[in-house]
């Protein structure tokens, strides 16, 4: 499971949908559910908030459709398919972003997820 410091560093790859800055703070206390920990992310520029979800169980057990989609994602570095889901967030109502790591070369990258993959 990814730690919050790494998640906060990787969030710099996206922009706040309100002020377009990439400086976020993650509240350290999670809300625990069956399959994931949810943290509140706050933009340091405008204080806009959204949720970040870190899986606590394997995605294939809890969301097979998303697991199948992730298995087919090609890595931009090595072009191999198959990634590990590190965390995901929904910075606004139209975008779902997954932060993944290639299982072949361990390159971290982000991918815009189809909305049905987040539900």
PDB file of N, CA and C in Angstrom:
ATOM      1  N   UNK A   1       0.850  -1.186   0.000  1.00  0.00           N
ATOM      2  CA  UNK A   1       0.000   0.000   0.000  1.00  0.00           C
ATOM      3  C   UNK A   1       0.892   1.244   0.000  1.00  0.00           C
ATOM      4  N   UNK A   2       0.496   2.226  -0.756  1.00  0.00           N
ATOM      5  CA  UNK A   2       1.262   3.465  -0.898  1.00  0.00           C
ATOM      6  C   UNK A   2       1.135   4.306   0.375  1.00  0.00           C
ATOM      7  N   UNK A   3       2.192   5.041   0.720  1.00  0.00           N
ATOM      8  CA  UNK A   3       2.100   5.910   1.900  1.00  0.00           C
ATOM      9  C   UNK A   3       1.636   7.304   1.475  1.00  0.00           C
ATOM     10  N   UNK A   4       1.189   8.090   2.441  1.00  0.00           N
ATOM     11  CA  UNK A   4       0.610   9.402   2.134  1.00  0.00           C
ATOM     12  C   UNK A   4       1.625  10.389   1.573  1.00  0.00           C
ATOM     13  N   UNK A   5       2.873  10.298   1.997  1.00  0.00           N
ATOM     14  CA  UNK A   5       3.895  11.206   1.479  1.00  0.00           C
ATOM     15  C   UNK A   5       4.092  10.986  -0.023  1.00  0.00           C
ATOM     16  N   UNK A   6       4.142   9.715  -0.430  1.00  0.00           N
ATOM     17  CA  UNK A   6       4.296   9.418  -1.855  1.00  0.00           C
ATOM     18  C   UNK A   6       3.055   9.852  -2.634  1.00  0.00           C
ATOM     19  N   UNK A   7       1.879   9.617  -2.059  1.00  0.00           N
ATOM     20  CA  UNK A   7       0.637  10.046  -2.720  1.00  0.00           C
ATOM     21  C   UNK A   7       0.626  11.560  -2.897  1.00  0.00           C
ATOM     22  N   UNK A   8       1.043  12.298  -1.880  1.00  0.00           N
ATOM     23  CA  UNK A   8       1.052  13.750  -1.980  1.00  0.00           C
ATOM     24  C   UNK A   8       2.034  14.216  -3.052  1.00  0.00           C
ATOM     25  N   UNK A   9       3.185  13.582  -3.141  1.00  0.00           N
ATOM     26  CA  UNK A   9       4.163  13.919  -4.175  1.00  0.00           C
ATOM     27  C   UNK A   9       3.593  13.651  -5.567  1.00  0.00           C
ATOM     28  N   UNK A  10       2.952  12.510  -5.725  1.00  0.00           N
ATOM     29  CA  UNK A  10       2.410  12.146  -7.042  1.00  0.00           C
ATOM     30  C   UNK A  10       1.207  12.981  -7.447  1.00  0.00           C
ATOM     31  N   UNK A  11       0.487  13.565  -6.480  1.00  0.00           N
ATOM     32  CA  UNK A  11      -0.650  14.434  -6.803  1.00  0.00           C
ATOM     33  C   UNK A  11      -0.222  15.676  -7.571  1.00  0.00           C
ATOM     34  N   UNK A  12       1.051  16.028  -7.514  1.00  0.00           N
ATOM     35  CA  UNK A  12       1.541  17.192  -8.260  1.00  0.00           C
ATOM     36  C   UNK A  12       1.375  17.017  -9.772  1.00  0.00           C
ATOM     37  N   UNK A  13       1.084  15.799 -10.213  1.00  0.00           N
ATOM     38  CA  UNK A  13       0.878  15.533 -11.640  1.00  0.00           C
ATOM     39  C   UNK A  13      -0.484  16.009 -12.141  1.00  0.00           C
ATOM     40  N   UNK A  14      -1.380  16.355 -11.226  1.00  0.00           N
ATOM     41  CA  UNK A  14      -2.696  16.850 -11.645  1.00  0.00           C
ATOM     42  C   UNK A  14      -2.857  18.294 -11.178  1.00  0.00           C
ATOM     43  N   UNK A  15      -3.846  18.969 -11.741  1.00  0.00           N
ATOM     44  CA  UNK A  15      -4.120  20.347 -11.362  1.00  0.00           C
ATOM     45  C   UNK A  15      -5.443  20.444 -10.629  1.00  0.00           C
ATOM     46  N   UNK A  16      -5.529  21.395  -9.729  1.00  0.00           N
ATOM     47  CA  UNK A  16      -6.798  21.709  -9.077  1.00  0.00           C
ATOM     48  C   UNK A  16      -7.770  22.179 -10.152  1.00  0.00           C
ATOM     49  N   UNK A  17      -9.001  21.659 -10.160  1.00  0.00           N
ATOM     50  CA  UNK A  17      -9.953  22.086 -11.190  1.00  0.00           C
ATOM     51  C   UNK A  17     -10.433  23.526 -11.018  1.00  0.00           C
ATOM     52  N   UNK A  18     -10.175  24.129  -9.850  1.00  0.00           N
ATOM     53  CA  UNK A  18     -10.624  25.502  -9.598  1.00  0.00           C
ATOM     54  C   UNK A  18      -9.527  26.522  -9.917  1.00  0.00           C
ATOM     55  N   UNK A  19      -8.355  26.388  -9.258  1.00  0.00           N
ATOM     56  CA  UNK A  19      -7.303  27.398  -9.418  1.00  0.00           C
ATOM     57  C   UNK A  19      -6.148  26.937 -10.308  1.00  0.00           C
ATOM     58  N   UNK A  20      -6.159  25.677 -10.734  1.00  0.00           N
ATOM     59  CA  UNK A  20      -5.169  25.097 -11.647  1.00  0.00           C
ATOM     60  C   UNK A  20      -3.759  24.990 -11.067  1.00  0.00           C
ATOM     61  N   UNK A  21      -3.643  25.079  -9.741  1.00  0.00           N
ATOM     62  CA  UNK A  21      -2.349  24.848  -9.099  1.00  0.00           C
ATOM     63  C   UNK A  21      -2.211  23.360  -8.806  1.00  0.00           C
ATOM     64  N   UNK A  22      -0.989  22.936  -8.517  1.00  0.00           N
ATOM     65  CA  UNK A  22      -0.720  21.518  -8.245  1.00  0.00           C
ATOM     66  C   UNK A  22      -0.065  21.339  -6.887  1.00  0.00           C
ATOM     67  N   UNK A  23      -0.607  22.004  -5.884  1.00  0.00           N
ATOM     68  CA  UNK A  23      -0.057  21.940  -4.530  1.00  0.00           C
ATOM     69  C   UNK A  23      -1.172  21.522  -3.585  1.00  0.00           C
ATOM     70  N   UNK A  24      -1.085  20.287  -3.079  1.00  0.00           N
ATOM     71  CA  UNK A  24      -2.163  19.714  -2.293  1.00  0.00           C
ATOM     72  C   UNK A  24      -1.677  19.244  -0.924  1.00  0.00           C
ATOM     73  N   UNK A  25      -2.599  19.203   0.015  1.00  0.00           N
ATOM     74  CA  UNK A  25      -2.350  18.613   1.328  1.00  0.00           C
ATOM     75  C   UNK A  25      -3.352  17.481   1.519  1.00  0.00           C
ATOM     76  N   UNK A  26      -2.898  16.394   2.114  1.00  0.00           N
ATOM     77  CA  UNK A  26      -3.769  15.247   2.374  1.00  0.00           C
ATOM     78  C   UNK A  26      -4.005  15.147   3.861  1.00  0.00           C
ATOM     79  N   UNK A  27      -5.267  15.096   4.258  1.00  0.00           N
ATOM     80  CA  UNK A  27      -5.586  14.914   5.672  1.00  0.00           C
ATOM     81  C   UNK A  27      -5.147  13.513   6.077  1.00  0.00           C
ATOM     82  N   UNK A  28      -4.369  13.396   7.157  1.00  0.00           N
ATOM     83  CA  UNK A  28      -3.795  12.093   7.499  1.00  0.00           C
ATOM     84  C   UNK A  28      -4.785  11.063   8.042  1.00  0.00           C
ATOM     85  N   UNK A  29      -5.903  11.493   8.576  1.00  0.00           N
ATOM     86  CA  UNK A  29      -6.855  10.544   9.151  1.00  0.00           C
ATOM     87  C   UNK A  29      -7.784  10.005   8.068  1.00  0.00           C
ATOM     88  N   UNK A  30      -7.736   8.694   7.826  1.00  0.00           N
ATOM     89  CA  UNK A  30      -8.571   8.126   6.760  1.00  0.00           C
ATOM     90  C   UNK A  30      -9.972   7.771   7.239  1.00  0.00           C
ATOM     91  N   UNK A  31     -10.858   7.661   6.276  1.00  0.00           N
ATOM     92  CA  UNK A  31     -12.164   7.039   6.494  1.00  0.00           C
ATOM     93  C   UNK A  31     -12.007   5.635   5.942  1.00  0.00           C
ATOM     94  N   UNK A  32     -12.195   4.638   6.770  1.00  0.00           N
ATOM     95  CA  UNK A  32     -11.968   3.249   6.371  1.00  0.00           C
ATOM     96  C   UNK A  32     -13.267   2.622   5.895  1.00  0.00           C
ATOM     97  N   UNK A  33     -13.196   1.944   4.748  1.00  0.00           N
ATOM     98  CA  UNK A  33     -14.338   1.166   4.275  1.00  0.00           C
ATOM     99  C   UNK A  33     -13.863  -0.261   4.050  1.00  0.00           C
ATOM    100  N   UNK A  34     -14.698  -1.085   3.487  1.00  0.00           N
ATOM    101  CA  UNK A  34     -14.364  -2.492   3.270  1.00  0.00           C
ATOM    102  C   UNK A  34     -13.110  -2.674   2.426  1.00  0.00           C
ATOM    103  N   UNK A  35     -12.973  -1.899   1.350  1.00  0.00           N
ATOM    104  CA  UNK A  35     -11.910  -2.160   0.385  1.00  0.00           C
ATOM    105  C   UNK A  35     -10.922  -1.020   0.189  1.00  0.00           C
ATOM    106  N   UNK A  36     -11.115   0.112   0.876  1.00  0.00           N
ATOM    107  CA  UNK A  36     -10.206   1.227   0.662  1.00  0.00           C
ATOM    108  C   UNK A  36     -10.205   2.204   1.825  1.00  0.00           C
ATOM    109  N   UNK A  37      -9.137   2.992   1.867  1.00  0.00           N
ATOM    110  CA  UNK A  37      -9.041   4.113   2.789  1.00  0.00           C
ATOM    111  C   UNK A  37      -9.288   5.371   1.975  1.00  0.00           C
ATOM    112  N   UNK A  38     -10.145   6.242   2.473  1.00  0.00           N
ATOM    113  CA  UNK A  38     -10.405   7.512   1.789  1.00  0.00           C
ATOM    114  C   UNK A  38      -9.818   8.643   2.612  1.00  0.00           C
ATOM    115  N   UNK A  39      -9.116   9.528   1.935  1.00  0.00           N
ATOM    116  CA  UNK A  39      -8.534  10.708   2.570  1.00  0.00           C
ATOM    117  C   UNK A  39      -9.076  11.941   1.864  1.00  0.00           C
ATOM    118  N   UNK A  40      -9.189  13.026   2.594  1.00  0.00           N
ATOM    119  CA  UNK A  40      -9.584  14.287   1.997  1.00  0.00           C
ATOM    120  C   UNK A  40      -8.330  15.017   1.542  1.00  0.00           C
ATOM    121  N   UNK A  41      -8.352  15.457   0.295  1.00  0.00           N
ATOM    122  CA  UNK A  41      -7.260  16.230  -0.292  1.00  0.00           C
ATOM    123  C   UNK A  41      -7.733  17.675  -0.393  1.00  0.00           C
ATOM    124  N   UNK A  42      -6.856  18.616  -0.008  1.00  0.00           N
ATOM    125  CA  UNK A  42      -7.206  20.029  -0.087  1.00  0.00           C
ATOM    126  C   UNK A  42      -6.159  20.764  -0.918  1.00  0.00           C
ATOM    127  N   UNK A  43      -6.616  21.551  -1.859  1.00  0.00           N
ATOM    128  CA  UNK A  43      -5.725  22.398  -2.634  1.00  0.00           C
ATOM    129  C   UNK A  43      -5.223  23.513  -1.727  1.00  0.00           C
ATOM    130  N   UNK A  44      -3.917  23.711  -1.691  1.00  0.00           N
ATOM    131  CA  UNK A  44      -3.340  24.766  -0.854  1.00  0.00           C
ATOM    132  C   UNK A  44      -3.559  26.149  -1.448  1.00  0.00           C
ATOM    133  N   UNK A  45      -3.894  26.216  -2.737  1.00  0.00           N
ATOM    134  CA  UNK A  45      -4.122  27.505  -3.385  1.00  0.00           C
ATOM    135  C   UNK A  45      -5.494  28.085  -3.107  1.00  0.00           C
ATOM    136  N   UNK A  46      -6.531  27.231  -3.199  1.00  0.00           N
ATOM    137  CA  UNK A  46      -7.896  27.755  -3.066  1.00  0.00           C
ATOM    138  C   UNK A  46      -8.747  27.010  -2.037  1.00  0.00           C
ATOM    139  N   UNK A  47      -8.185  25.978  -1.402  1.00  0.00           N
ATOM    140  CA  UNK A  47      -8.845  25.180  -0.365  1.00  0.00           C
ATOM    141  C   UNK A  47      -9.955  24.271  -0.900  1.00  0.00           C
ATOM    142  N   UNK A  48     -10.001  24.059  -2.211  1.00  0.00           N
ATOM    143  CA  UNK A  48     -10.939  23.102  -2.807  1.00  0.00           C
ATOM    144  C   UNK A  48     -10.592  21.700  -2.303  1.00  0.00           C
ATOM    145  N   UNK A  49     -11.606  20.881  -2.008  1.00  0.00           N
ATOM    146  CA  UNK A  49     -11.348  19.542  -1.503  1.00  0.00           C
ATOM    147  C   UNK A  49     -11.956  18.466  -2.401  1.00  0.00           C
ATOM    148  N   UNK A  50     -11.318  17.293  -2.390  1.00  0.00           N
ATOM    149  CA  UNK A  50     -11.836  16.104  -3.070  1.00  0.00           C
ATOM    150  C   UNK A  50     -11.287  14.883  -2.358  1.00  0.00           C
ATOM    151  N   UNK A  51     -11.791  13.720  -2.705  1.00  0.00           N
ATOM    152  CA  UNK A  51     -11.404  12.479  -2.049  1.00  0.00           C
ATOM    153  C   UNK A  51     -10.313  11.753  -2.829  1.00  0.00           C
ATOM    154  N   UNK A  52      -9.438  11.104  -2.073  1.00  0.00           N
ATOM    155  CA  UNK A  52      -8.404  10.240  -2.596  1.00  0.00           C
ATOM    156  C   UNK A  52      -8.636   8.874  -1.960  1.00  0.00           C
ATOM    157  N   UNK A  53      -8.625   7.811  -2.760  1.00  0.00           N
ATOM    158  CA  UNK A  53      -8.895   6.463  -2.258  1.00  0.00           C
ATOM    159  C   UNK A  53      -7.693   5.565  -2.481  1.00  0.00           C
ATOM    160  N   UNK A  54      -7.258   4.919  -1.409  1.00  0.00           N
ATOM    161  CA  UNK A  54      -6.149   3.971  -1.465  1.00  0.00           C
ATOM    162  C   UNK A  54      -6.727   2.579  -1.217  1.00  0.00           C
ATOM    163  N   UNK A  55      -6.550   1.654  -2.157  1.00  0.00           N
ATOM    164  CA  UNK A  55      -7.128   0.317  -1.956  1.00  0.00           C
ATOM    165  C   UNK A  55      -6.436  -0.421  -0.802  1.00  0.00           C
ATOM    166  N   UNK A  56      -7.237  -1.127  -0.017  1.00  0.00           N
ATOM    167  CA  UNK A  56      -6.702  -1.946   1.074  1.00  0.00           C
ATOM    168  C   UNK A  56      -6.838  -3.434   0.768  1.00  0.00           C
ATOM    169  N   UNK A  57      -7.574  -3.756  -0.272  1.00  0.00           N
ATOM    170  CA  UNK A  57      -7.712  -5.138  -0.756  1.00  0.00           C
ATOM    171  C   UNK A  57      -7.366  -5.127  -2.242  1.00  0.00           C
ATOM    172  N   UNK A  58      -7.056  -6.293  -2.773  1.00  0.00           N
ATOM    173  CA  UNK A  58      -6.724  -6.329  -4.196  1.00  0.00           C
ATOM    174  C   UNK A  58      -7.939  -5.930  -5.023  1.00  0.00           C
ATOM    175  N   UNK A  59      -7.688  -5.153  -6.051  1.00  0.00           N
ATOM    176  CA  UNK A  59      -8.766  -4.624  -6.884  1.00  0.00           C
ATOM    177  C   UNK A  59      -9.524  -5.737  -7.604  1.00  0.00           C
ATOM    178  N   UNK A  60      -8.859  -6.843  -7.892  1.00  0.00           N
ATOM    179  CA  UNK A  60      -9.543  -7.949  -8.578  1.00  0.00           C
ATOM    180  C   UNK A  60     -10.617  -8.576  -7.694  1.00  0.00           C
ATOM    181  N   UNK A  61     -10.469  -8.484  -6.384  1.00  0.00           N
ATOM    182  CA  UNK A  61     -11.475  -9.015  -5.465  1.00  0.00           C
ATOM    183  C   UNK A  61     -12.662  -8.079  -5.309  1.00  0.00           C
ATOM    184  N   UNK A  62     -12.402  -6.788  -5.370  1.00  0.00           N
ATOM    185  CA  UNK A  62     -13.450  -5.822  -5.059  1.00  0.00           C
ATOM    186  C   UNK A  62     -14.081  -5.164  -6.277  1.00  0.00           C
ATOM    187  N   UNK A  63     -13.348  -5.089  -7.385  1.00  0.00           N
ATOM    188  CA  UNK A  63     -13.848  -4.414  -8.584  1.00  0.00           C
ATOM    189  C   UNK A  63     -13.244  -5.066  -9.827  1.00  0.00           C
ATOM    190  N   UNK A  64     -13.776  -6.225 -10.250  1.00  0.00           N
ATOM    191  CA  UNK A  64     -13.193  -6.954 -11.379  1.00  0.00           C
ATOM    192  C   UNK A  64     -13.160  -6.163 -12.689  1.00  0.00           C
ATOM    193  N   UNK A  65     -14.139  -5.304 -12.930  1.00  0.00           N
ATOM    194  CA  UNK A  65     -14.147  -4.515 -14.169  1.00  0.00           C
ATOM    195  C   UNK A  65     -12.939  -3.576 -14.223  1.00  0.00           C
ATOM    196  N   UNK A  66     -12.675  -2.900 -13.123  1.00  0.00           N
ATOM    197  CA  UNK A  66     -11.516  -2.015 -13.058  1.00  0.00           C
ATOM    198  C   UNK A  66     -10.230  -2.819 -13.152  1.00  0.00           C
ATOM    199  N   UNK A  67     -10.181  -3.977 -12.516  1.00  0.00           N
ATOM    200  CA  UNK A  67      -9.001  -4.842 -12.581  1.00  0.00           C
ATOM    201  C   UNK A  67      -8.708  -5.250 -14.025  1.00  0.00           C
ATOM    202  N   UNK A  68      -9.728  -5.580 -14.788  1.00  0.00           N
ATOM    203  CA  UNK A  68      -9.545  -5.944 -16.199  1.00  0.00           C
ATOM    204  C   UNK A  68      -9.048  -4.761 -17.026  1.00  0.00           C
ATOM    205  N   UNK A  69      -9.594  -3.590 -16.757  1.00  0.00           N
ATOM    206  CA  UNK A  69      -9.162  -2.387 -17.460  1.00  0.00           C
ATOM    207  C   UNK A  69      -7.690  -2.098 -17.143  1.00  0.00           C
ATOM    208  N   UNK A  70      -7.312  -2.199 -15.871  1.00  0.00           N
ATOM    209  CA  UNK A  70      -5.927  -1.948 -15.472  1.00  0.00           C
ATOM    210  C   UNK A  70      -4.962  -2.964 -16.078  1.00  0.00           C
ATOM    211  N   UNK A  71      -5.399  -4.210 -16.205  1.00  0.00           N
ATOM    212  CA  UNK A  71      -4.535  -5.258 -16.770  1.00  0.00           C
ATOM    213  C   UNK A  71      -4.168  -4.974 -18.221  1.00  0.00           C
ATOM    214  N   UNK A  72      -4.995  -4.214 -18.920  1.00  0.00           N
ATOM    215  CA  UNK A  72      -4.730  -3.908 -20.317  1.00  0.00           C
ATOM    216  C   UNK A  72      -4.044  -2.575 -20.558  1.00  0.00           C
ATOM    217  N   UNK A  73      -3.772  -1.811 -19.493  1.00  0.00           N
ATOM    218  CA  UNK A  73      -3.126  -0.506 -19.670  1.00  0.00           C
ATOM    219  C   UNK A  73      -1.660  -0.669 -20.054  1.00  0.00           C
ATOM    220  N   UNK A  74      -1.218  -0.028 -21.131  1.00  0.00           N
ATOM    221  CA  UNK A  74       0.207  -0.093 -21.487  1.00  0.00           C
ATOM    222  C   UNK A  74       1.001   0.964 -20.719  1.00  0.00           C
ATOM    223  N   UNK A  75       2.187   0.606 -20.321  1.00  0.00           N
ATOM    224  CA  UNK A  75       3.096   1.529 -19.633  1.00  0.00           C
ATOM    225  C   UNK A  75       3.688   2.491 -20.663  1.00  0.00           C
ATOM    226  N   UNK A  76       3.704   3.800 -20.390  1.00  0.00           N
ATOM    227  CA  UNK A  76       4.302   4.737 -21.343  1.00  0.00           C
ATOM    228  C   UNK A  76       5.825   4.600 -21.439  1.00  0.00           C
ATOM    229  N   UNK A  77       6.457   3.984 -20.449  1.00  0.00           N
ATOM    230  CA  UNK A  77       7.917   3.845 -20.462  1.00  0.00           C
ATOM    231  C   UNK A  77       8.374   2.592 -21.215  1.00  0.00           C
ATOM    232  N   UNK A  78       7.733   1.435 -20.919  1.00  0.00           N
ATOM    233  CA  UNK A  78       8.214   0.177 -21.513  1.00  0.00           C
ATOM    234  C   UNK A  78       7.215  -0.485 -22.458  1.00  0.00           C
ATOM    235  N   UNK A  79       5.998   0.033 -22.536  1.00  0.00           N
ATOM    236  CA  UNK A  79       4.933  -0.473 -23.401  1.00  0.00           C
ATOM    237  C   UNK A  79       4.376  -1.842 -23.000  1.00  0.00           C
ATOM    238  N   UNK A  80       4.819  -2.389 -21.878  1.00  0.00           N
ATOM    239  CA  UNK A  80       4.236  -3.635 -21.372  1.00  0.00           C
ATOM    240  C   UNK A  80       2.866  -3.322 -20.781  1.00  0.00           C
ATOM    241  N   UNK A  81       1.968  -4.304 -20.776  1.00  0.00           N
ATOM    242  CA  UNK A  81       0.649  -4.099 -20.193  1.00  0.00           C
ATOM    243  C   UNK A  81       0.614  -4.677 -18.788  1.00  0.00           C
ATOM    244  N   UNK A  82      -0.243  -4.097 -17.973  1.00  0.00           N
ATOM    245  CA  UNK A  82      -0.418  -4.549 -16.598  1.00  0.00           C
ATOM    246  C   UNK A  82       0.159  -3.554 -15.614  1.00  0.00           C
ATOM    247  N   UNK A  83      -0.703  -3.085 -14.727  1.00  0.00           N
ATOM    248  CA  UNK A  83      -0.288  -2.101 -13.721  1.00  0.00           C
ATOM    249  C   UNK A  83      -0.876  -2.456 -12.363  1.00  0.00           C
ATOM    250  N   UNK A  84      -0.284  -1.889 -11.331  1.00  0.00           N
ATOM    251  CA  UNK A  84      -0.807  -1.994  -9.969  1.00  0.00           C
ATOM    252  C   UNK A  84      -1.464  -0.656  -9.627  1.00  0.00           C
ATOM    253  N   UNK A  85      -2.665  -0.701  -9.106  1.00  0.00           N
ATOM    254  CA  UNK A  85      -3.361   0.512  -8.691  1.00  0.00           C
ATOM    255  C   UNK A  85      -2.776   0.986  -7.363  1.00  0.00           C
ATOM    256  N   UNK A  86      -2.229   2.203  -7.345  1.00  0.00           N
ATOM    257  CA  UNK A  86      -1.692   2.780  -6.121  1.00  0.00           C
ATOM    258  C   UNK A  86      -2.768   3.567  -5.376  1.00  0.00           C
ATOM    259  N   UNK A  87      -3.437   4.470  -6.084  1.00  0.00           N
ATOM    260  CA  UNK A  87      -4.565   5.201  -5.514  1.00  0.00           C
ATOM    261  C   UNK A  87      -5.333   5.856  -6.649  1.00  0.00           C
ATOM    262  N   UNK A  88      -6.489   6.369  -6.323  1.00  0.00           N
ATOM    263  CA  UNK A  88      -7.309   7.047  -7.323  1.00  0.00           C
ATOM    264  C   UNK A  88      -8.009   8.223  -6.674  1.00  0.00           C
ATOM    265  N   UNK A  89      -8.391   9.170  -7.498  1.00  0.00           N
ATOM    266  CA  UNK A  89      -9.109  10.329  -6.995  1.00  0.00           C
ATOM    267  C   UNK A  89     -10.051  10.848  -8.068  1.00  0.00           C
ATOM    268  N   UNK A  90     -10.972  11.650  -7.627  1.00  0.00           N
ATOM    269  CA  UNK A  90     -11.953  12.247  -8.523  1.00  0.00           C
ATOM    270  C   UNK A  90     -11.953  13.750  -8.244  1.00  0.00           C
ATOM    271  N   UNK A  91     -11.015  14.484  -8.873  1.00  0.00           N
ATOM    272  CA  UNK A  91     -10.890  15.902  -8.554  1.00  0.00           C
ATOM    273  C   UNK A  91     -12.102  16.754  -8.931  1.00  0.00           C
ATOM    274  N   UNK A  92     -12.913  16.284  -9.853  1.00  0.00           N
ATOM    275  CA  UNK A  92     -14.168  16.977 -10.155  1.00  0.00           C
ATOM    276  C   UNK A  92     -15.183  15.947 -10.632  1.00  0.00           C
ATOM    277  N   UNK A  93     -16.380  16.386 -10.918  1.00  0.00           N
ATOM    278  CA  UNK A  93     -17.454  15.444 -11.241  1.00  0.00           C
ATOM    279  C   UNK A  93     -17.286  14.746 -12.584  1.00  0.00           C
ATOM    280  N   UNK A  94     -16.410  15.258 -13.454  1.00  0.00           N
ATOM    281  CA  UNK A  94     -16.225  14.656 -14.768  1.00  0.00           C
ATOM    282  C   UNK A  94     -14.952  13.834 -14.898  1.00  0.00           C
ATOM    283  N   UNK A  95     -14.034  13.944 -13.971  1.00  0.00           N
ATOM    284  CA  UNK A  95     -12.742  13.282 -14.107  1.00  0.00           C
ATOM    285  C   UNK A  95     -12.462  12.312 -12.973  1.00  0.00           C
ATOM    286  N   UNK A  96     -12.011  11.156 -13.338  1.00  0.00           N
ATOM    287  CA  UNK A  96     -11.514  10.166 -12.398  1.00  0.00           C
ATOM    288  C   UNK A  96     -10.080   9.852 -12.823  1.00  0.00           C
ATOM    289  N   UNK A  97      -9.148   9.977 -11.911  1.00  0.00           N
ATOM    290  CA  UNK A  97      -7.735   9.792 -12.225  1.00  0.00           C
ATOM    291  C   UNK A  97      -7.200   8.645 -11.379  1.00  0.00           C
ATOM    292  N   UNK A  98      -6.527   7.701 -12.040  1.00  0.00           N
ATOM    293  CA  UNK A  98      -5.894   6.606 -11.316  1.00  0.00           C
ATOM    294  C   UNK A  98      -4.381   6.793 -11.363  1.00  0.00           C
ATOM    295  N   UNK A  99      -3.756   6.556 -10.255  1.00  0.00           N
ATOM    296  CA  UNK A  99      -2.299   6.619 -10.142  1.00  0.00           C
ATOM    297  C   UNK A  99      -1.840   5.172 -10.037  1.00  0.00           C
ATOM    298  N   UNK A 100      -1.060   4.748 -11.012  1.00  0.00           N
ATOM    299  CA  UNK A 100      -0.686   3.337 -11.132  1.00  0.00           C
ATOM    300  C   UNK A 100       0.828   3.194 -11.259  1.00  0.00           C
ATOM    301  N   UNK A 101       1.292   1.962 -11.085  1.00  0.00           N
ATOM    302  CA  UNK A 101       2.702   1.626 -11.279  1.00  0.00           C
ATOM    303  C   UNK A 101       2.768   0.403 -12.177  1.00  0.00           C
ATOM    304  N   UNK A 102       3.625   0.462 -13.193  1.00  0.00           N
ATOM    305  CA  UNK A 102       3.807  -0.657 -14.117  1.00  0.00           C
ATOM    306  C   UNK A 102       4.353  -1.857 -13.356  1.00  0.00           C
ATOM    307  N   UNK A 103       3.774  -3.022 -13.593  1.00  0.00           N
ATOM    308  CA  UNK A 103       4.246  -4.228 -12.913  1.00  0.00           C
ATOM    309  C   UNK A 103       5.532  -4.764 -13.536  1.00  0.00           C
ATOM    310  N   UNK A 104       5.854  -4.342 -14.760  1.00  0.00           N
ATOM    311  CA  UNK A 104       7.072  -4.823 -15.422  1.00  0.00           C
ATOM    312  C   UNK A 104       8.300  -3.988 -15.054  1.00  0.00           C
ATOM    313  N   UNK A 105       8.214  -2.658 -15.236  1.00  0.00           N
ATOM    314  CA  UNK A 105       9.397  -1.800 -15.016  1.00  0.00           C
ATOM    315  C   UNK A 105       9.271  -0.899 -13.788  1.00  0.00           C
ATOM    316  N   UNK A 106       8.126  -0.928 -13.112  1.00  0.00           N
ATOM    317  CA  UNK A 106       7.865  -0.153 -11.889  1.00  0.00           C
ATOM    318  C   UNK A 106       7.831   1.358 -12.124  1.00  0.00           C
ATOM    319  N   UNK A 107       7.494   1.766 -13.337  1.00  0.00           N
ATOM    320  CA  UNK A 107       7.353   3.182 -13.663  1.00  0.00           C
ATOM    321  C   UNK A 107       5.989   3.675 -13.173  1.00  0.00           C
ATOM    322  N   UNK A 108       5.946   4.725 -12.320  1.00  0.00           N
ATOM    323  CA  UNK A 108       4.654   5.267 -11.888  1.00  0.00           C
ATOM    324  C   UNK A 108       4.113   6.245 -12.936  1.00  0.00           C
ATOM    325  N   UNK A 109       2.801   6.184 -13.175  1.00  0.00           N
ATOM    326  CA  UNK A 109       2.172   7.125 -14.100  1.00  0.00           C
ATOM    327  C   UNK A 109       0.701   7.274 -13.741  1.00  0.00           C
ATOM    328  N   UNK A 110       0.057   8.245 -14.376  1.00  0.00           N
ATOM    329  CA  UNK A 110      -1.373   8.469 -14.131  1.00  0.00           C
ATOM    330  C   UNK A 110      -2.133   8.175 -15.411  1.00  0.00           C
ATOM    331  N   UNK A 111      -3.392   7.864 -15.226  1.00  0.00           N
ATOM    332  CA  UNK A 111      -4.277   7.574 -16.353  1.00  0.00           C
ATOM    333  C   UNK A 111      -5.655   8.109 -16.003  1.00  0.00           C
ATOM    334  N   UNK A 112      -6.298   8.728 -16.966  1.00  0.00           N
ATOM    335  CA  UNK A 112      -7.675   9.166 -16.774  1.00  0.00           C
ATOM    336  C   UNK A 112      -8.571   7.946 -16.924  1.00  0.00           C
ATOM    337  N   UNK A 113      -9.356   7.660 -15.920  1.00  0.00           N
ATOM    338  CA  UNK A 113     -10.185   6.470 -15.920  1.00  0.00           C
ATOM    339  C   UNK A 113     -11.559   6.768 -16.494  1.00  0.00           C
ATOM    340  N   UNK A 114     -12.137   5.790 -17.177  1.00  0.00           N
ATOM    341  CA  UNK A 114     -13.547   5.962 -17.564  1.00  0.00           C
ATOM    342  C   UNK A 114     -14.382   6.018 -16.288  1.00  0.00           C
ATOM    343  N   UNK A 115     -15.376   6.824 -16.288  1.00  0.00           N
ATOM    344  CA  UNK A 115     -16.148   7.030 -15.059  1.00  0.00           C
ATOM    345  C   UNK A 115     -16.737   5.738 -14.518  1.00  0.00           C
ATOM    346  N   UNK A 116     -17.125   4.798 -15.374  1.00  0.00           N
ATOM    347  CA  UNK A 116     -17.679   3.535 -14.884  1.00  0.00           C
ATOM    348  C   UNK A 116     -16.625   2.699 -14.153  1.00  0.00           C
ATOM    349  N   UNK A 117     -15.340   2.955 -14.396  1.00  0.00           N
ATOM    350  CA  UNK A 117     -14.284   2.234 -13.709  1.00  0.00           C
ATOM    351  C   UNK A 117     -14.140   2.708 -12.274  1.00  0.00           C
ATOM    352  N   UNK A 118     -14.629   3.898 -11.970  1.00  0.00           N
ATOM    353  CA  UNK A 118     -14.502   4.430 -10.611  1.00  0.00           C
ATOM    354  C   UNK A 118     -15.659   3.999  -9.720  1.00  0.00           C
ATOM    355  N   UNK A 119     -16.800   3.716 -10.300  1.00  0.00           N
ATOM    356  CA  UNK A 119     -17.996   3.406  -9.507  1.00  0.00           C
ATOM    357  C   UNK A 119     -17.931   2.055  -8.855  1.00  0.00           C
TER     358      UNK A 119
END
